[in-house]
Amino acid sequence: MNFKKKYIFILLGVIVLVGAIAYFLYVNNNNKLINLIRPHVYIEYGNKVTMNDIFVTKPEQDFQFSMPLDQINSVGDYSLSVTIEHKEINFEIHIIDSTEPVLEVKPITIYLDESFPKPVDFVIKCEDLSNCSYPNISFKREEGTQTVSIIALDDYGNKALKETTLTIVAYNDKPNITGLSDLLVKQGNKVDLRNGVVANDKRFGVLDFKVDDSQVNYDKPGVYEIIYTATDPLGNTTTKTRKITVQNKETSYMIANFPTFSQYPKYPNGCETVALYNLLRYYNVSVNIDDLMDRLTKGDGPHIENGIFYGGDPEIEFVGDPRDLHGYGVYQKPIISLANRYRSGLKDYTGHSLNDVLSLVKQGIPVQVWVSIGLKNTSVCATWTHRFTGKQIKWICNLHSVIVVGYNSTTVYVSDSYTGKIEGYNRNQFEKMYNLFGKRALYYPN
C-alpha cells in the first residue's frame, strides 16, 4: 500500500469517527429533552395545569407551549407540544373528573294522600363542579317510615349515595270551629251567624263551613241551637252547636218633649242647678236660670288657711261657685231647698235603687240623679274639713247631675246639661256610677 492510499483510509476513519460522535451527541441531547417532559399528564377537574405538572425537571433553555395552559380547563384529552431549542416535543394532557359530589340529604314526612316527593326534594345540597342529577326512586305507599337511598350523579358519572327516610302518615285531624259564643237576638230580628266564626284546619288552613239554623224560630222567644259543620278535603268533619236566645221585643220608655239646656259656657260647674232648671221647665214653672244660680246656697271652695285645707259641705251648700271653672258641686238637699222657692213638693228619693228610679220614669215621672260626667269611672280625689262642723269631706271627682227621662233593657236616657242634649248611656255603667255617688235622686210626684 502506498502512502497515498494509507492517508485516504486514515481520513475516512476520522470522518466516520467524528460522525459517530456527532450522532451520539445528537441522540443523547434529544433523549435528555424528551426525558424532561411527561408524555401523559393527568389533572383532576377544577385544578389548574402548571409547568410542574408537565416537566419532570424544568429546562434551563427557553420553551414555548403550543397553547396557553390556562385555556385547558374542561374535562377532556388535549394534545400539545413544547418547543425547546427549536425542537418540538409532543405530550398529552388529560383533564379528568374522578371526584364524587358532596351530597347532604334530609328526611321527609308526607301525608298518605299526597304525591310522592321527587329525589331532589330530599337534597339539602349537592356540591360538584358539574351538574348534579338524581335517578328516580320507587316508594311504598303505606303508613310508616321507609329507608330511601338518594343517588347524585355528576356529568362525568361520579356517584354519591346517601340514605335518609320517608315517613308516610294518615291525616285524620278534624277541623276546629271557633267563635261560637252564645247569641242574643230580639224577637223578629236576625243576626249574622257567620260573623266572628272561623273554621280552621292544621293542614288545610281556613275552611268554609255550613250553618243550619232551621230549628230557630226568630219570631218566638226561647233558647235554640244552631248547628255548624266544617269538612276538610279528606272528609274529616267537625260539628258543633251554638246557643241562641230569642228575647221579647225591646220595650223602651221615654218621657217625650223633656227640655234640654247646656251649662256651657256660663255655668261650667252648674249641672245640678241646670238639671233643676230643666225639671221646673218641664212642669211649666216660669223660672230664670241666672235667678236659680244666684239663689243657690253657696259655701267656700277648698282652700288652705293656717295650714288646714278648708272647704264647704256639699250636703248643705254648693262648694265654690257654679259659674266658676274651678267650682265643685252640690248634693240633693240644697237643690230641694232651692226648688221649693219655685214649686214645692220635690221629694228626696235618695237611697233607692236605679230600678226604683226607672219605675218612676216608666210612670212618666222624670228623676234628677247624681252620676259622673260621661259616666267615667272615678273615685275620691280630694279631702278637706268643713270649717263650721269639723266634718271631713271626701270629694269624688267628675260629679255630675242629670235628669233621667227614659230607659230600656240596655240604656238609660237622660237630659244632660254637659252636652246640652238627650243622651243614652249604658245601663250597667249608669247604675255603677249612680251607686258610687250615694244613690242620690229627686222627683216631683204626679
Protein backbone atom coordinates (compact mmCIF):
# COMPACT_ATOMS: atom_id res chain seq x y z
CA MET A 1 0.00 0.00 0.00
CA ASN A 2 1.49 3.25 -0.95
CA PHE A 3 1.44 6.28 1.28
CA LYS A 4 -1.39 7.97 -0.61
CA LYS A 5 -3.89 5.14 -0.14
CA LYS A 6 -2.93 4.84 3.52
CA TYR A 7 -3.65 8.51 4.05
CA ILE A 8 -7.09 8.21 2.46
CA PHE A 9 -8.05 5.31 4.75
CA ILE A 10 -7.00 7.26 7.81
CA LEU A 11 -9.01 10.28 6.70
CA LEU A 12 -12.13 8.17 6.12
CA GLY A 13 -11.76 6.64 9.56
CA VAL A 14 -11.56 10.03 11.16
CA ILE A 15 -14.71 11.15 9.32
CA VAL A 16 -16.61 8.07 10.38
CA LEU A 17 -15.50 8.54 13.99
CA VAL A 18 -16.50 12.21 14.03
CA GLY A 19 -19.88 11.37 12.53
CA ALA A 20 -20.45 8.66 15.07
CA ILE A 21 -19.61 11.02 17.90
CA ALA A 22 -21.89 13.74 16.48
CA TYR A 23 -24.77 11.29 16.09
CA PHE A 24 -24.26 10.05 19.62
CA LEU A 25 -24.32 13.59 20.95
CA TYR A 26 -27.47 14.43 18.94
CA VAL A 27 -29.36 11.38 20.08
CA ASN A 28 -28.26 11.88 23.65
CA ASN A 29 -29.40 15.53 23.65
CA ASN A 30 -32.78 14.61 22.18
CA ASN A 31 -33.24 11.95 24.81
CA LYS A 32 -32.40 14.44 27.52
CA LEU A 33 -35.05 16.90 26.19
CA ILE A 34 -37.67 14.17 25.85
CA ASN A 35 -36.98 12.98 29.38
CA LEU A 36 -37.76 16.49 30.68
CA ILE A 37 -41.42 16.09 29.58
CA ARG A 38 -44.09 13.79 30.98
CA PRO A 39 -45.76 12.25 27.92
CA HIS A 40 -49.15 11.96 29.72
CA VAL A 41 -50.27 14.49 32.32
CA TYR A 42 -53.40 13.75 34.41
CA ILE A 43 -55.11 16.68 36.15
CA GLU A 44 -58.22 16.50 38.35
CA TYR A 45 -61.01 18.71 37.06
CA GLY A 46 -61.03 22.06 38.82
CA ASN A 47 -57.28 22.28 39.28
CA LYS A 48 -55.07 24.49 37.12
CA VAL A 49 -52.46 22.93 34.81
CA THR A 50 -49.00 24.11 35.79
CA MET A 51 -45.50 23.66 34.32
CA ASN A 52 -44.63 21.49 37.29
CA ASP A 53 -47.29 19.05 36.11
CA ILE A 54 -45.68 18.85 32.63
CA PHE A 55 -41.95 19.00 33.30
CA VAL A 56 -40.05 16.37 35.23
CA THR A 57 -37.34 18.97 35.55
CA LYS A 58 -37.88 22.47 34.34
CA PRO A 59 -35.49 23.11 31.41
CA GLU A 60 -32.90 25.82 31.60
CA GLN A 61 -33.49 26.70 27.97
CA ASP A 62 -36.36 28.83 26.70
CA PHE A 63 -39.51 26.91 25.79
CA GLN A 64 -42.88 27.57 24.25
CA PHE A 65 -46.14 25.58 24.56
CA SER A 66 -48.37 25.12 21.55
CA MET A 67 -51.33 26.59 23.51
CA PRO A 68 -51.66 28.56 26.77
CA LEU A 69 -52.07 26.25 29.74
CA ASP A 70 -54.77 28.42 31.35
CA GLN A 71 -57.06 27.60 28.42
CA ILE A 72 -57.10 23.96 29.42
CA ASN A 73 -59.93 23.90 31.99
CA SER A 74 -62.55 21.43 30.75
CA VAL A 75 -62.70 17.69 31.10
CA GLY A 76 -61.11 16.03 28.03
CA ASP A 77 -57.88 14.97 26.30
CA TYR A 78 -55.58 17.64 24.89
CA SER A 79 -52.61 17.04 22.51
CA LEU A 80 -49.91 19.66 22.97
CA SER A 81 -46.30 20.22 22.18
CA VAL A 82 -43.49 22.20 23.70
CA THR A 83 -40.63 23.67 21.68
CA ILE A 84 -37.19 23.69 23.31
CA GLU A 85 -34.09 24.73 21.31
CA HIS A 86 -36.14 24.57 18.14
CA LYS A 87 -37.09 21.00 18.93
CA GLU A 88 -40.80 20.13 19.25
CA ILE A 89 -41.77 17.52 21.82
CA ASN A 90 -45.31 16.18 21.86
CA PHE A 91 -47.28 15.22 25.00
CA GLU A 92 -50.90 14.86 26.17
CA ILE A 93 -52.87 16.45 28.99
CA HIS A 94 -55.87 14.58 30.35
CA ILE A 95 -58.39 16.58 32.43
CA ILE A 96 -60.38 14.01 34.40
CA ASP A 97 -63.21 14.17 36.94
CA SER A 98 -62.98 11.37 39.48
CA THR A 99 -64.45 13.26 42.48
CA GLU A 100 -67.91 12.29 43.61
CA PRO A 101 -70.39 15.04 44.50
CA VAL A 102 -70.68 16.25 48.10
CA LEU A 103 -74.25 15.29 49.00
CA GLU A 104 -76.39 16.17 52.03
CA VAL A 105 -79.94 14.88 52.41
CA LYS A 106 -82.85 15.26 54.82
CA PRO A 107 -85.81 13.13 55.92
CA ILE A 108 -89.28 13.98 54.60
CA THR A 109 -92.72 13.37 56.08
CA ILE A 110 -95.80 13.39 53.85
CA TYR A 111 -99.44 12.54 54.23
CA LEU A 112 -100.80 9.31 52.78
CA ASP A 113 -102.88 11.17 50.21
CA GLU A 114 -100.06 13.40 48.96
CA SER A 115 -97.92 12.88 45.88
CA PHE A 116 -94.56 11.25 46.44
CA PRO A 117 -91.62 13.63 46.66
CA LYS A 118 -89.00 13.78 43.95
CA PRO A 119 -85.43 12.71 44.76
CA VAL A 120 -84.30 16.34 44.62
CA ASP A 121 -86.81 17.16 47.41
CA PHE A 122 -84.65 15.17 49.84
CA VAL A 123 -81.49 17.07 48.90
CA ILE A 124 -80.20 19.78 51.21
CA LYS A 125 -77.21 20.43 48.97
CA CYS A 126 -75.18 18.77 46.22
CA GLU A 127 -71.80 20.36 45.57
CA ASP A 128 -69.88 19.49 42.40
CA LEU A 129 -68.04 21.36 39.68
CA SER A 130 -70.53 19.98 37.19
CA ASN A 131 -74.26 19.44 37.43
CA CYS A 132 -75.98 17.05 39.84
CA SER A 133 -78.77 14.78 38.67
CA TYR A 134 -80.85 12.30 40.63
CA PRO A 135 -82.20 8.98 39.36
CA ASN A 136 -85.82 8.20 40.18
CA ILE A 137 -86.73 6.23 43.29
CA SER A 138 -89.53 3.77 43.99
CA PHE A 139 -91.58 4.26 47.17
CA LYS A 140 -94.11 2.14 49.01
CA ARG A 141 -97.47 3.85 49.55
CA GLU A 142 -98.10 2.72 53.09
CA GLU A 143 -98.06 4.29 56.53
CA GLY A 144 -94.75 4.14 58.32
CA THR A 145 -91.12 5.05 57.77
CA GLN A 146 -89.08 3.63 54.90
CA THR A 147 -85.39 4.00 54.08
CA VAL A 148 -84.61 5.98 50.94
CA SER A 149 -81.31 5.90 49.03
CA ILE A 150 -80.62 9.17 47.25
CA ILE A 151 -78.08 8.99 44.42
CA ALA A 152 -76.43 12.07 43.00
CA LEU A 153 -74.63 11.77 39.63
CA ASP A 154 -72.40 14.42 38.14
CA ASP A 155 -71.87 14.98 34.42
CA TYR A 156 -68.94 12.52 34.33
CA GLY A 157 -70.54 9.56 36.03
CA ASN A 158 -69.25 10.09 39.54
CA LYS A 159 -71.81 8.97 42.06
CA ALA A 160 -72.61 9.89 45.67
CA LEU A 161 -75.12 7.91 47.71
CA LYS A 162 -76.75 8.92 50.98
CA GLU A 163 -79.57 7.27 52.91
CA THR A 164 -82.46 9.07 54.55
CA THR A 165 -86.09 8.32 55.39
CA LEU A 166 -89.57 8.94 54.04
CA THR A 167 -92.34 8.86 56.64
CA ILE A 168 -95.92 8.49 55.44
CA VAL A 169 -98.75 9.33 57.84
CA ALA A 170 -102.50 9.36 57.53
CA TYR A 171 -104.25 12.69 58.26
CA ASN A 172 -107.27 12.20 60.50
CA ASP A 173 -107.36 15.51 62.42
CA LYS A 174 -110.71 17.24 62.33
CA PRO A 175 -111.21 20.97 61.67
CA ASN A 176 -111.63 23.32 64.61
CA ILE A 177 -114.53 25.78 64.72
CA THR A 178 -114.09 28.84 66.94
CA GLY A 179 -116.13 31.94 67.75
CA LEU A 180 -119.30 30.11 68.81
CA SER A 181 -120.18 32.26 71.80
CA ASP A 182 -123.83 32.41 72.80
CA LEU A 183 -126.01 34.73 70.74
CA LEU A 184 -128.81 37.04 71.87
CA VAL A 185 -131.35 38.36 69.39
CA LYS A 186 -134.55 40.31 69.76
CA GLN A 187 -137.79 38.71 68.66
CA GLY A 188 -138.38 39.20 64.93
CA ASN A 189 -134.75 40.10 64.22
CA LYS A 190 -131.90 38.07 62.77
CA VAL A 191 -128.15 38.18 63.28
CA ASP A 192 -125.14 37.41 61.10
CA LEU A 193 -124.45 33.82 62.15
CA ARG A 194 -121.05 33.78 60.42
CA ASN A 195 -119.64 36.92 61.98
CA GLY A 196 -116.60 36.09 64.11
CA VAL A 197 -116.82 32.35 63.38
CA VAL A 198 -113.75 30.64 61.85
CA ALA A 199 -113.27 27.04 60.74
CA ASN A 200 -109.57 26.25 60.68
CA ASP A 201 -107.60 23.11 59.89
CA LYS A 202 -103.98 22.48 60.89
CA ARG A 203 -103.18 21.20 57.43
CA PHE A 204 -105.62 22.91 55.06
CA GLY A 205 -105.93 26.28 56.82
CA VAL A 206 -109.18 28.24 56.82
CA LEU A 207 -112.14 26.22 55.60
CA ASP A 208 -115.67 27.09 54.58
CA PHE A 209 -118.41 25.90 56.89
CA LYS A 210 -122.15 25.32 56.87
CA VAL A 211 -124.66 26.92 59.23
CA ASP A 212 -128.00 25.30 59.99
CA ASP A 213 -130.45 27.49 61.91
CA SER A 214 -133.55 25.68 60.67
CA GLN A 215 -134.57 24.89 64.26
CA VAL A 216 -134.57 28.56 65.32
CA ASN A 217 -137.89 30.40 65.42
CA TYR A 218 -136.87 34.05 65.36
CA ASP A 219 -140.47 35.12 65.97
CA LYS A 220 -140.86 33.16 69.20
CA PRO A 221 -138.87 33.88 72.36
CA GLY A 222 -136.84 30.89 73.55
CA VAL A 223 -133.46 29.20 73.59
CA TYR A 224 -132.42 27.37 70.42
CA GLU A 225 -129.39 25.64 68.89
CA ILE A 226 -127.60 26.45 65.64
CA ILE A 227 -125.52 23.70 64.01
CA TYR A 228 -122.12 24.49 62.46
CA THR A 229 -120.35 21.93 60.24
CA ALA A 230 -116.87 22.08 58.70
CA THR A 231 -115.32 19.39 56.49
CA ASP A 232 -111.76 19.24 55.18
CA PRO A 233 -110.88 17.96 51.66
CA LEU A 234 -110.29 14.46 53.06
CA GLY A 235 -113.75 14.27 54.58
CA ASN A 236 -112.76 14.82 58.22
CA THR A 237 -115.78 16.59 59.70
CA THR A 238 -116.46 18.66 62.83
CA THR A 239 -119.97 19.52 64.01
CA LYS A 240 -120.63 22.00 66.82
CA THR A 241 -123.73 23.64 68.24
CA ARG A 242 -124.24 27.21 69.31
CA LYS A 243 -126.87 28.56 71.66
CA ILE A 244 -129.06 31.43 70.56
CA THR A 245 -131.62 33.14 72.76
CA VAL A 246 -134.56 34.92 71.14
CA GLN A 247 -135.77 37.65 73.52
CA ASN A 248 -139.01 39.52 73.65
CA LYS A 249 -139.01 42.66 71.58
CA GLU A 250 -137.27 45.55 73.28
CA THR A 251 -139.58 47.85 75.17
CA SER A 252 -138.36 51.39 75.65
CA TYR A 253 -139.92 54.02 77.89
CA MET A 254 -139.35 57.69 77.13
CA ILE A 255 -140.78 60.90 78.53
CA ALA A 256 -141.49 63.00 75.49
CA ASN A 257 -140.51 66.62 74.97
CA PHE A 258 -138.33 66.92 78.03
CA PRO A 259 -136.28 70.15 77.80
CA THR A 260 -132.51 70.35 77.45
CA PHE A 261 -130.08 73.17 78.23
CA SER A 262 -126.30 73.41 78.03
CA GLN A 263 -124.41 74.55 81.12
CA TYR A 264 -121.64 75.93 78.89
CA PRO A 265 -120.15 78.42 78.70
CA LYS A 266 -121.74 80.38 81.55
CA TYR A 267 -122.16 77.64 84.17
CA PRO A 268 -119.22 75.21 83.82
CA ASN A 269 -119.97 73.65 87.23
CA GLY A 270 -123.70 74.34 87.42
CA CYS A 271 -125.04 70.95 86.28
CA GLU A 272 -127.16 70.40 89.41
CA THR A 273 -128.90 73.76 89.05
CA VAL A 274 -129.33 73.38 85.28
CA ALA A 275 -130.92 69.95 85.86
CA LEU A 276 -133.39 71.57 88.31
CA TYR A 277 -133.98 74.33 85.76
CA ASN A 278 -134.98 71.74 83.13
CA LEU A 279 -137.16 69.90 85.66
CA LEU A 280 -139.04 73.08 86.59
CA ARG A 281 -139.48 74.00 82.94
CA TYR A 282 -140.95 70.54 82.27
CA TYR A 283 -143.59 71.29 84.91
CA ASN A 284 -144.24 74.70 83.28
CA VAL A 285 -142.73 76.69 86.13
CA SER A 286 -141.61 80.11 84.94
CA VAL A 287 -138.02 80.43 86.08
CA ASN A 288 -134.84 82.25 85.14
CA ILE A 289 -131.60 80.25 85.11
CA ASP A 290 -129.49 83.11 86.50
CA ASP A 291 -132.02 83.64 89.27
CA LEU A 292 -131.61 79.98 90.23
CA MET A 293 -127.83 80.29 90.22
CA ASP A 294 -127.98 83.38 92.40
CA ARG A 295 -130.39 81.86 94.95
CA LEU A 296 -128.43 78.60 95.34
CA THR A 297 -126.78 78.40 98.77
CA LYS A 298 -123.01 78.55 98.34
CA GLY A 299 -120.05 77.83 100.58
CA ASP A 300 -116.28 78.23 100.35
CA GLY A 301 -114.31 76.43 97.74
CA PRO A 302 -111.43 74.29 99.04
CA HIS A 303 -108.55 76.43 100.24
CA ILE A 304 -105.69 76.37 102.75
CA GLU A 305 -105.97 78.51 105.86
CA ASN A 306 -103.45 78.35 108.71
CA GLY A 307 -102.14 75.15 107.26
CA ILE A 308 -105.58 73.49 107.19
CA PHE A 309 -107.45 72.59 103.99
CA TYR A 310 -110.96 74.01 104.45
CA GLY A 311 -113.98 73.90 102.15
CA GLY A 312 -117.76 73.82 102.00
CA ASP A 313 -120.06 70.86 102.68
CA PRO A 314 -122.00 69.77 99.54
CA GLU A 315 -124.75 68.36 101.75
CA ILE A 316 -125.70 71.92 102.83
CA GLU A 317 -124.25 74.24 100.17
CA PHE A 318 -122.59 74.46 96.76
CA VAL A 319 -118.82 74.16 97.22
CA GLY A 320 -117.43 77.18 95.41
CA ASP A 321 -119.33 78.90 92.58
CA PRO A 322 -121.22 77.12 89.74
CA ARG A 323 -120.21 79.92 87.39
CA ASP A 324 -116.53 79.38 88.20
CA LEU A 325 -114.45 76.93 86.20
CA HIS A 326 -112.85 75.89 89.50
CA GLY A 327 -116.14 75.32 91.31
CA TYR A 328 -117.00 71.90 92.69
CA GLY A 329 -120.67 70.93 93.22
CA VAL A 330 -123.61 70.27 95.49
CA TYR A 331 -125.80 67.34 96.58
CA GLN A 332 -129.58 66.94 96.66
CA LYS A 333 -130.67 68.75 99.85
CA PRO A 334 -129.63 72.30 98.83
CA ILE A 335 -131.29 71.64 95.44
CA ILE A 336 -134.56 70.73 97.21
CA SER A 337 -134.39 73.94 99.24
CA LEU A 338 -133.80 75.92 96.05
CA ALA A 339 -136.67 74.15 94.22
CA ASN A 340 -139.17 74.90 96.99
CA ARG A 341 -138.82 78.61 96.23
CA TYR A 342 -140.46 77.95 92.87
CA ARG A 343 -142.51 74.76 93.24
CA SER A 344 -142.88 72.83 96.46
CA GLY A 345 -143.11 69.08 96.85
CA LEU A 346 -139.77 67.98 95.37
CA LYS A 347 -139.18 64.60 97.03
CA ASP A 348 -135.80 63.31 98.21
CA TYR A 349 -135.62 59.76 96.80
CA THR A 350 -132.01 59.18 97.87
CA GLY A 351 -131.10 55.58 98.74
CA HIS A 352 -133.43 53.93 96.26
CA SER A 353 -132.11 51.60 93.58
CA LEU A 354 -131.82 52.51 89.92
CA ASN A 355 -134.68 50.09 89.19
CA ASP A 356 -136.84 52.10 91.62
CA VAL A 357 -135.88 55.27 89.76
CA LEU A 358 -136.72 53.68 86.41
CA SER A 359 -140.08 52.56 87.75
CA LEU A 360 -140.91 56.23 88.30
CA VAL A 361 -139.76 57.07 84.77
CA LYS A 362 -141.99 54.28 83.44
CA GLN A 363 -144.90 56.18 85.05
CA GLY A 364 -143.85 59.33 83.18
CA ILE A 365 -142.04 60.94 86.12
CA PRO A 366 -138.59 62.47 85.37
CA VAL A 367 -135.98 61.96 88.12
CA GLN A 368 -132.89 64.03 88.86
CA VAL A 369 -129.89 61.86 89.85
CA TRP A 370 -126.16 62.22 90.58
CA VAL A 371 -123.59 60.32 88.46
CA SER A 372 -120.22 61.14 86.87
CA ILE A 373 -119.56 63.21 83.74
CA GLY A 374 -119.93 60.90 80.75
CA LEU A 375 -120.24 58.00 83.24
CA LYS A 376 -116.47 57.87 83.56
CA ASN A 377 -115.10 55.71 86.34
CA THR A 378 -113.99 57.91 89.21
CA SER A 379 -113.07 57.92 92.87
CA VAL A 380 -112.31 60.22 95.83
CA CYS A 381 -109.74 62.75 94.69
CA ALA A 382 -109.73 65.40 97.43
CA THR A 383 -110.39 65.68 101.17
CA TRP A 384 -110.97 68.81 103.24
CA THR A 385 -112.53 70.00 106.52
CA HIS A 386 -115.79 71.90 106.87
CA ARG A 387 -114.90 74.91 108.99
CA PHE A 388 -118.13 75.15 110.97
CA THR A 389 -118.79 71.48 111.75
CA GLY A 390 -115.30 69.96 111.56
CA LYS A 391 -116.74 67.34 109.22
CA GLN A 392 -114.29 65.63 106.87
CA ILE A 393 -115.46 65.97 103.26
CA LYS A 394 -114.31 63.29 100.81
CA TRP A 395 -114.87 64.62 97.32
CA ILE A 396 -115.50 62.27 94.39
CA CYS A 397 -114.22 63.77 91.14
CA ASN A 398 -116.27 64.38 87.98
CA LEU A 399 -119.55 64.80 89.86
CA HIS A 400 -122.48 65.40 87.54
CA SER A 401 -126.27 65.65 87.80
CA VAL A 402 -128.76 64.72 85.06
CA ILE A 403 -132.49 64.10 84.63
CA VAL A 404 -133.48 60.50 83.80
CA VAL A 405 -136.19 60.64 81.11
CA GLY A 406 -136.19 57.14 79.58
CA TYR A 407 -134.72 53.65 79.51
CA ASN A 408 -134.78 50.16 78.05
CA SER A 409 -133.00 46.94 78.99
CA THR A 410 -129.57 48.24 77.99
CA THR A 411 -129.74 52.03 78.01
CA VAL A 412 -130.67 54.91 80.32
CA TYR A 413 -131.68 58.16 78.60
CA VAL A 414 -131.04 61.50 80.30
CA SER A 415 -131.30 65.21 79.73
CA ASP A 416 -127.59 66.01 80.02
CA SER A 417 -126.52 69.63 80.52
CA TYR A 418 -122.87 68.65 79.85
CA THR A 419 -123.73 68.06 76.18
CA GLY A 420 -126.97 70.04 76.06
CA LYS A 421 -128.79 67.02 74.55
CA ILE A 422 -130.75 63.90 75.37
CA GLU A 423 -128.06 61.22 75.77
CA GLY A 424 -128.23 57.45 76.04
CA TYR A 425 -125.81 55.70 78.42
CA ASN A 426 -125.04 52.08 79.14
CA ARG A 427 -127.42 50.94 81.84
CA ASN A 428 -124.90 48.86 83.78
CA GLN A 429 -122.32 51.66 83.89
CA PHE A 430 -125.03 54.17 84.77
CA GLU A 431 -126.08 52.07 87.74
CA LYS A 432 -122.46 51.72 88.86
CA MET A 433 -121.92 55.50 88.94
CA TYR A 434 -125.36 56.15 90.46
CA ASN A 435 -124.49 53.81 93.32
CA LEU A 436 -121.00 55.32 93.72
CA PHE A 437 -122.44 58.80 94.34
CA GLY A 438 -124.79 57.52 97.04
CA LYS A 439 -127.98 56.79 95.04
CA ARG A 440 -128.99 60.46 95.19
CA ALA A 441 -132.32 61.16 93.47
CA LEU A 442 -135.11 63.79 93.41
CA TYR A 443 -138.55 63.90 91.75
CA TYR A 444 -141.90 65.65 91.78
CA PRO A 445 -144.74 63.21 92.47
CA ASN A 446 -147.51 63.48 89.87
